[in-house]
């Protein structure tokens, strides 16, 4: 499946993981569990999580933490595969 296919699939997904002031460390287990059960997971980065960093940086760090592919970031939302 191409990245383009994954992005199309992700368009209609609901956010199922929210990253707040606890940071990405508080959601790694949940994201890992969800990625085992489904192809794509959409994550929302709340303002409290971002602090001085960008959503792109946080999304990339979270992808590394859970060994997932970052399909795309759009606004404050990221999609993982």
C-alpha atoms as a PDB file:
ATOM      1  CA  UNK A   1       0.000   0.000   0.000  1.00  0.00           C
ATOM      2  CA  UNK A   2       1.413   3.392  -0.948  1.00  0.00           C
ATOM      3  CA  UNK A   3       1.656   6.453   1.285  1.00  0.00           C
ATOM      4  CA  UNK A   4      -0.989   8.046  -0.917  1.00  0.00           C
ATOM      5  CA  UNK A   5      -3.377   5.138  -0.223  1.00  0.00           C
ATOM      6  CA  UNK A   6      -2.685   5.418   3.494  1.00  0.00           C
ATOM      7  CA  UNK A   7      -3.327   9.176   3.473  1.00  0.00           C
ATOM      8  CA  UNK A   8      -6.657   8.624   1.703  1.00  0.00           C
ATOM      9  CA  UNK A   9      -7.636   6.009   4.276  1.00  0.00           C
ATOM     10  CA  UNK A  10      -6.585   8.280   7.133  1.00  0.00           C
ATOM     11  CA  UNK A  11      -8.765  11.138   5.932  1.00  0.00           C
ATOM     12  CA  UNK A  12     -11.937   9.661   7.473  1.00  0.00           C
ATOM     13  CA  UNK A  13     -10.320   8.279  10.620  1.00  0.00           C
ATOM     14  CA  UNK A  14     -11.275   9.601  14.020  1.00  0.00           C
ATOM     15  CA  UNK A  15      -8.578  10.651  16.471  1.00  0.00           C
ATOM     16  CA  UNK A  16      -8.131   7.851  19.016  1.00  0.00           C
ATOM     17  CA  UNK A  17      -5.011   9.054  20.880  1.00  0.00           C
ATOM     18  CA  UNK A  18      -4.551  12.504  22.401  1.00  0.00           C
ATOM     19  CA  UNK A  19      -1.159  13.785  23.551  1.00  0.00           C
ATOM     20  CA  UNK A  20      -1.502  16.347  26.343  1.00  0.00           C
ATOM     21  CA  UNK A  21       0.726  17.839  29.004  1.00  0.00           C
ATOM     22  CA  UNK A  22       1.981  14.359  29.931  1.00  0.00           C
ATOM     23  CA  UNK A  23       3.858  14.339  26.619  1.00  0.00           C
ATOM     24  CA  UNK A  24       4.464  11.485  24.229  1.00  0.00           C
ATOM     25  CA  UNK A  25       5.779   9.170  26.955  1.00  0.00           C
ATOM     26  CA  UNK A  26       2.299   8.884  28.426  1.00  0.00           C
ATOM     27  CA  UNK A  27       0.753   7.554  25.184  1.00  0.00           C
ATOM     28  CA  UNK A  28       3.393   5.204  23.756  1.00  0.00           C
ATOM     29  CA  UNK A  29       1.804   2.052  25.213  1.00  0.00           C
ATOM     30  CA  UNK A  30      -1.666   3.049  24.034  1.00  0.00           C
ATOM     31  CA  UNK A  31      -0.451   3.865  20.528  1.00  0.00           C
ATOM     32  CA  UNK A  32       1.491   0.600  20.304  1.00  0.00           C
ATOM     33  CA  UNK A  33      -1.603  -1.347  21.352  1.00  0.00           C
ATOM     34  CA  UNK A  34      -3.801   0.407  18.805  1.00  0.00           C
ATOM     35  CA  UNK A  35      -1.276  -0.113  16.000  1.00  0.00           C
ATOM     36  CA  UNK A  36      -1.318  -3.856  16.731  1.00  0.00           C
ATOM     37  CA  UNK A  37      -5.105  -3.876  16.238  1.00  0.00           C
ATOM     38  CA  UNK A  38      -5.411  -1.639  13.170  1.00  0.00           C
ATOM     39  CA  UNK A  39      -3.474  -0.339  10.176  1.00  0.00           C
ATOM     40  CA  UNK A  40      -3.721   3.366  10.908  1.00  0.00           C
ATOM     41  CA  UNK A  41      -4.017   5.446  14.067  1.00  0.00           C
ATOM     42  CA  UNK A  42      -4.675   9.174  14.183  1.00  0.00           C
ATOM     43  CA  UNK A  43      -3.083  11.144  17.034  1.00  0.00           C
ATOM     44  CA  UNK A  44      -3.908  14.705  18.102  1.00  0.00           C
ATOM     45  CA  UNK A  45      -1.225  16.831  19.768  1.00  0.00           C
ATOM     46  CA  UNK A  46      -2.863  19.274  22.165  1.00  0.00           C
ATOM     47  CA  UNK A  47      -1.331  22.686  22.804  1.00  0.00           C
ATOM     48  CA  UNK A  48      -0.128  21.607  26.269  1.00  0.00           C
ATOM     49  CA  UNK A  49       1.990  18.860  24.683  1.00  0.00           C
ATOM     50  CA  UNK A  50       3.675  21.089  22.146  1.00  0.00           C
ATOM     51  CA  UNK A  51       5.352  23.598  24.456  1.00  0.00           C
ATOM     52  CA  UNK A  52       8.305  24.934  22.489  1.00  0.00           C
ATOM     53  CA  UNK A  53       8.319  22.195  19.858  1.00  0.00           C
ATOM     54  CA  UNK A  54       6.362  21.673  16.672  1.00  0.00           C
ATOM     55  CA  UNK A  55       3.814  18.991  15.952  1.00  0.00           C
ATOM     56  CA  UNK A  56       6.160  17.621  13.272  1.00  0.00           C
ATOM     57  CA  UNK A  57       8.971  17.168  15.812  1.00  0.00           C
ATOM     58  CA  UNK A  58       6.706  15.531  18.381  1.00  0.00           C
ATOM     59  CA  UNK A  59       5.136  13.284  15.745  1.00  0.00           C
ATOM     60  CA  UNK A  60       8.555  12.105  14.556  1.00  0.00           C
ATOM     61  CA  UNK A  61       9.705  11.463  18.136  1.00  0.00           C
ATOM     62  CA  UNK A  62       6.567   9.466  18.875  1.00  0.00           C
ATOM     63  CA  UNK A  63       7.037   7.414  15.695  1.00  0.00           C
ATOM     64  CA  UNK A  64      10.566   6.545  16.849  1.00  0.00           C
ATOM     65  CA  UNK A  65       9.323   5.608  20.335  1.00  0.00           C
ATOM     66  CA  UNK A  66       6.799   3.078  19.034  1.00  0.00           C
ATOM     67  CA  UNK A  67       8.722   1.998  15.911  1.00  0.00           C
ATOM     68  CA  UNK A  68       5.881   3.108  13.652  1.00  0.00           C
ATOM     69  CA  UNK A  69       5.798   4.812  10.271  1.00  0.00           C
ATOM     70  CA  UNK A  70       4.652   8.410  10.329  1.00  0.00           C
ATOM     71  CA  UNK A  71       2.285   8.631   7.348  1.00  0.00           C
ATOM     72  CA  UNK A  72       1.611  12.362   7.582  1.00  0.00           C
ATOM     73  CA  UNK A  73       1.131  15.333   9.856  1.00  0.00           C
ATOM     74  CA  UNK A  74      -1.540  17.899   9.177  1.00  0.00           C
ATOM     75  CA  UNK A  75      -2.114  20.750  11.570  1.00  0.00           C
ATOM     76  CA  UNK A  76      -1.818  19.290  15.059  1.00  0.00           C
ATOM     77  CA  UNK A  77      -2.695  15.775  13.983  1.00  0.00           C
ATOM     78  CA  UNK A  78      -0.461  12.889  12.918  1.00  0.00           C
ATOM     79  CA  UNK A  79      -1.247   9.554  11.325  1.00  0.00           C
ATOM     80  CA  UNK A  80       0.790   6.427  12.117  1.00  0.00           C
ATOM     81  CA  UNK A  81       1.070   3.076  10.365  1.00  0.00           C
END
